[in-house]
Amino acid sequence: MPLSMIAVPAGAVLNLGGSGVYALRTLRGSVRPNPVTWLLWTLAPGVAFAAQLARHVGLPALTTLSVGLGPLLVLLCALTRPGFPGARPNSAELCCAALSLAALVGWRITAQPDAALALSILADGCAAVPTVVKCHRSPETEDRTVYALMGVSAVLTLVTLPAWTFGAAGFSCYLLVLCGTLLVLLSRRASRP
């Protein structure tokens, strides 16, 4: 049995487990997810997953699917928290949301799988900006578990790829860079006096 048949599903489970931990901490109020980021983190991986299916990349698409389902769980839990449903995004968050949605619309216009994947990565990155800023300014409002497990999931997918193509590796490479960035920013919390 190829290593990918074990590693990629295990990575997807780790990813969903990290999102589950984050969702529980959201329910308890110990973390405060950014509504723009988590909504768009549900949409953009869905587009990337569809593009990967169109390119027939196979098992690596499971990582992308889990990256979209996890934020959906977090978003649903956040909607139950007081104040979250009525939270108003600021202008920078709205700009990131507009860029993210424009990238998703761009995919629909091109209908090319590689372009769709590139634009979904761009959309996901734009959606991440409010959370990156929040991790920098208020790291105490975030939790490292979800980002660490997402990063491990991406690594497990990447090490099992038989061929490194943009369709198979693109989203996981992006995810690894994003999670590494967030973890570095959140490590400052531990080093603060």
Protein backbone atom coordinates (compact mmCIF):
# COMPACT_ATOMS: atom_id res chain seq x y z
CA MET A 1 0.00 0.00 0.00
CA PRO A 2 1.46 3.39 -0.97
CA LEU A 3 2.34 5.77 1.84
CA SER A 4 -0.05 8.36 0.42
CA MET A 5 -3.01 6.05 1.11
CA ILE A 6 -2.25 6.42 4.83
CA ALA A 7 -0.56 9.82 5.12
CA VAL A 8 -3.00 11.99 3.19
CA PRO A 9 -6.16 10.77 4.98
CA ALA A 10 -4.28 10.99 8.30
CA GLY A 11 -3.35 14.58 7.46
CA ALA A 12 -6.96 15.39 6.61
CA VAL A 13 -8.07 13.92 9.95
CA LEU A 14 -5.42 15.98 11.76
CA ASN A 15 -6.59 19.07 9.94
CA LEU A 16 -10.22 18.46 10.86
CA GLY A 17 -9.13 17.64 14.42
CA GLY A 18 -7.32 20.98 14.68
CA SER A 19 -10.41 22.76 13.38
CA GLY A 20 -12.51 20.84 15.90
CA VAL A 21 -10.28 22.04 18.74
CA TYR A 22 -10.50 25.61 17.43
CA ALA A 23 -14.28 25.30 17.10
CA LEU A 24 -14.59 24.11 20.72
CA ARG A 25 -12.40 26.96 21.91
CA THR A 26 -14.57 29.32 19.87
CA LEU A 27 -17.66 28.00 21.66
CA ARG A 28 -15.93 28.54 25.02
CA GLY A 29 -14.89 32.06 24.03
CA SER A 30 -11.15 31.50 24.46
CA VAL A 31 -10.48 32.32 20.78
CA ARG A 32 -12.18 34.87 18.56
CA PRO A 33 -12.11 33.94 14.88
CA ASN A 34 -12.20 36.72 12.32
CA PRO A 35 -15.55 36.37 10.51
CA VAL A 36 -14.22 37.47 7.11
CA THR A 37 -11.32 35.04 7.18
CA TRP A 38 -13.27 32.01 8.33
CA LEU A 39 -16.14 32.56 5.89
CA LEU A 40 -13.79 32.93 2.96
CA TRP A 41 -11.60 30.07 4.19
CA THR A 42 -14.70 27.94 3.71
CA LEU A 43 -15.27 29.16 0.13
CA ALA A 44 -11.76 29.35 -1.38
CA PRO A 45 -10.71 25.75 -0.61
CA GLY A 46 -14.01 24.62 -2.07
CA VAL A 47 -13.00 26.19 -5.37
CA ALA A 48 -9.50 24.71 -5.12
CA PHE A 49 -11.01 21.29 -4.38
CA ALA A 50 -13.26 21.53 -7.45
CA ALA A 51 -10.25 22.56 -9.57
CA GLN A 52 -8.23 19.64 -8.25
CA LEU A 53 -11.08 17.26 -9.07
CA ALA A 54 -11.17 18.68 -12.59
CA ARG A 55 -7.42 18.02 -12.89
CA HIS A 56 -7.89 14.50 -11.50
CA VAL A 57 -5.17 14.99 -8.89
CA GLY A 58 -6.65 12.25 -6.73
CA LEU A 59 -5.88 11.84 -3.07
CA PRO A 60 -4.08 15.19 -2.52
CA ALA A 61 -7.46 16.87 -3.04
CA LEU A 62 -8.56 15.37 0.28
CA THR A 63 -6.28 17.82 2.11
CA THR A 64 -7.89 20.73 0.29
CA LEU A 65 -11.39 19.43 1.10
CA SER A 66 -10.54 19.16 4.80
CA VAL A 67 -9.11 22.69 4.74
CA GLY A 68 -12.56 23.94 3.62
CA LEU A 69 -14.70 21.82 5.92
CA GLY A 70 -12.77 22.79 9.06
CA PRO A 71 -13.44 26.54 8.71
CA LEU A 72 -17.10 25.79 8.03
CA LEU A 73 -17.26 24.06 11.42
CA VAL A 74 -15.50 27.00 13.10
CA LEU A 75 -17.79 29.49 11.41
CA LEU A 76 -20.92 27.60 12.49
CA CYS A 77 -19.66 27.52 16.09
CA ALA A 78 -18.72 31.21 15.98
CA LEU A 79 -22.23 32.13 14.86
CA THR A 80 -23.51 30.90 18.24
CA ARG A 81 -21.22 33.26 20.18
CA PRO A 82 -22.67 36.55 21.46
CA GLY A 83 -21.57 39.47 19.32
CA PHE A 84 -20.15 37.41 16.46
CA PRO A 85 -23.20 37.43 14.15
CA GLY A 86 -23.44 41.22 14.43
CA ALA A 87 -19.70 41.88 14.06
CA ARG A 88 -19.03 44.49 11.39
CA PRO A 89 -15.89 44.05 9.28
CA ASN A 90 -13.62 47.08 8.99
CA SER A 91 -12.68 48.57 5.63
CA ALA A 92 -9.42 46.60 5.37
CA GLU A 93 -11.28 43.34 6.00
CA LEU A 94 -13.89 44.29 3.40
CA CYS A 95 -11.09 45.02 0.91
CA CYS A 96 -9.58 41.58 1.57
CA ALA A 97 -13.00 40.01 1.16
CA ALA A 98 -13.55 41.86 -2.13
CA LEU A 99 -10.16 40.70 -3.46
CA SER A 100 -10.89 37.16 -2.35
CA LEU A 101 -14.31 37.14 -4.01
CA ALA A 102 -12.88 38.74 -7.17
CA ALA A 103 -10.35 35.90 -7.40
CA LEU A 104 -13.17 33.38 -7.09
CA VAL A 105 -15.13 35.18 -9.82
CA GLY A 106 -11.97 35.21 -11.95
CA TRP A 107 -11.83 31.45 -11.69
CA ARG A 108 -15.42 31.18 -12.88
CA ILE A 109 -14.64 33.37 -15.87
CA THR A 110 -11.51 31.45 -16.91
CA ALA A 111 -12.86 27.97 -16.12
CA GLN A 112 -9.28 26.65 -16.41
CA PRO A 113 -8.33 24.25 -13.56
CA ASP A 114 -4.79 25.62 -13.02
CA ALA A 115 -6.06 29.20 -13.17
CA ALA A 116 -8.84 28.23 -10.75
CA LEU A 117 -6.31 26.76 -8.34
CA ALA A 118 -4.05 29.83 -8.57
CA LEU A 119 -6.98 32.19 -8.06
CA SER A 120 -8.31 30.13 -5.15
CA ILE A 121 -4.88 30.32 -3.50
CA LEU A 122 -4.93 34.08 -4.06
CA ALA A 123 -8.47 34.24 -2.66
CA ASP A 124 -7.50 32.19 0.39
CA GLY A 125 -4.44 34.38 0.95
CA CYS A 126 -6.51 37.56 0.76
CA ALA A 127 -8.98 36.00 3.19
CA ALA A 128 -6.10 35.20 5.55
CA VAL A 129 -4.84 38.79 5.79
CA PRO A 130 -7.26 39.84 8.61
CA THR A 131 -6.22 36.82 10.67
CA VAL A 132 -2.52 37.39 9.97
CA VAL A 133 -2.94 40.97 11.20
CA LYS A 134 -4.90 39.75 14.23
CA CYS A 135 -2.19 37.19 15.05
CA HIS A 136 0.37 39.99 14.92
CA ARG A 137 -1.62 42.49 16.99
CA SER A 138 -3.55 40.22 19.36
CA PRO A 139 -1.99 36.75 19.41
CA GLU A 140 -3.84 35.94 22.63
CA THR A 141 -7.11 35.77 20.64
CA GLU A 142 -5.85 32.82 18.57
CA ASP A 143 -4.82 29.22 19.10
CA ARG A 144 -1.83 27.50 17.51
CA THR A 145 -3.30 23.99 17.40
CA VAL A 146 -5.36 24.41 14.24
CA TYR A 147 -2.49 26.01 12.31
CA ALA A 148 0.06 23.44 13.49
CA LEU A 149 -2.15 20.54 12.46
CA MET A 150 -2.99 22.17 9.11
CA GLY A 151 0.73 22.54 8.49
CA VAL A 152 1.34 18.87 9.35
CA SER A 153 -1.49 17.91 7.02
CA ALA A 154 0.12 19.89 4.19
CA VAL A 155 3.51 18.27 4.84
CA LEU A 156 1.99 14.78 4.83
CA THR A 157 0.38 15.51 1.48
CA LEU A 158 3.55 16.98 -0.02
CA VAL A 159 5.88 14.15 1.04
CA THR A 160 3.63 11.57 -0.58
CA LEU A 161 3.23 13.21 -3.99
CA PRO A 162 4.47 10.98 -6.79
CA ALA A 163 4.84 14.03 -9.05
CA TRP A 164 5.08 17.67 -8.08
CA THR A 165 2.63 19.46 -10.29
CA PHE A 166 0.96 22.76 -9.57
CA GLY A 167 -2.42 21.02 -9.44
CA ALA A 168 -1.26 18.46 -6.88
CA ALA A 169 1.14 20.53 -4.76
CA GLY A 170 0.08 24.17 -5.15
CA PHE A 171 -2.53 24.43 -2.43
CA SER A 172 -0.54 22.36 0.08
CA CYS A 173 2.59 24.48 -0.50
CA TYR A 174 0.57 27.66 0.04
CA LEU A 175 -1.02 26.16 3.16
CA LEU A 176 2.38 25.28 4.61
CA VAL A 177 3.67 28.83 4.09
CA LEU A 178 0.52 30.36 5.61
CA CYS A 179 0.55 28.08 8.65
CA GLY A 180 4.25 28.69 9.21
CA THR A 181 3.66 32.44 9.11
CA LEU A 182 0.76 32.25 11.57
CA LEU A 183 2.70 30.00 13.93
CA VAL A 184 5.68 32.38 13.95
CA LEU A 185 3.35 35.29 14.76
CA LEU A 186 1.60 33.31 17.48
CA SER A 187 4.88 32.19 19.03
CA ARG A 188 5.33 35.81 20.12
CA ARG A 189 2.52 35.26 22.64
CA ALA A 190 4.64 32.72 24.46
CA SER A 191 7.64 35.06 24.51
CA ARG A 192 5.75 38.13 25.75
CA PRO A 193 6.40 39.05 29.40
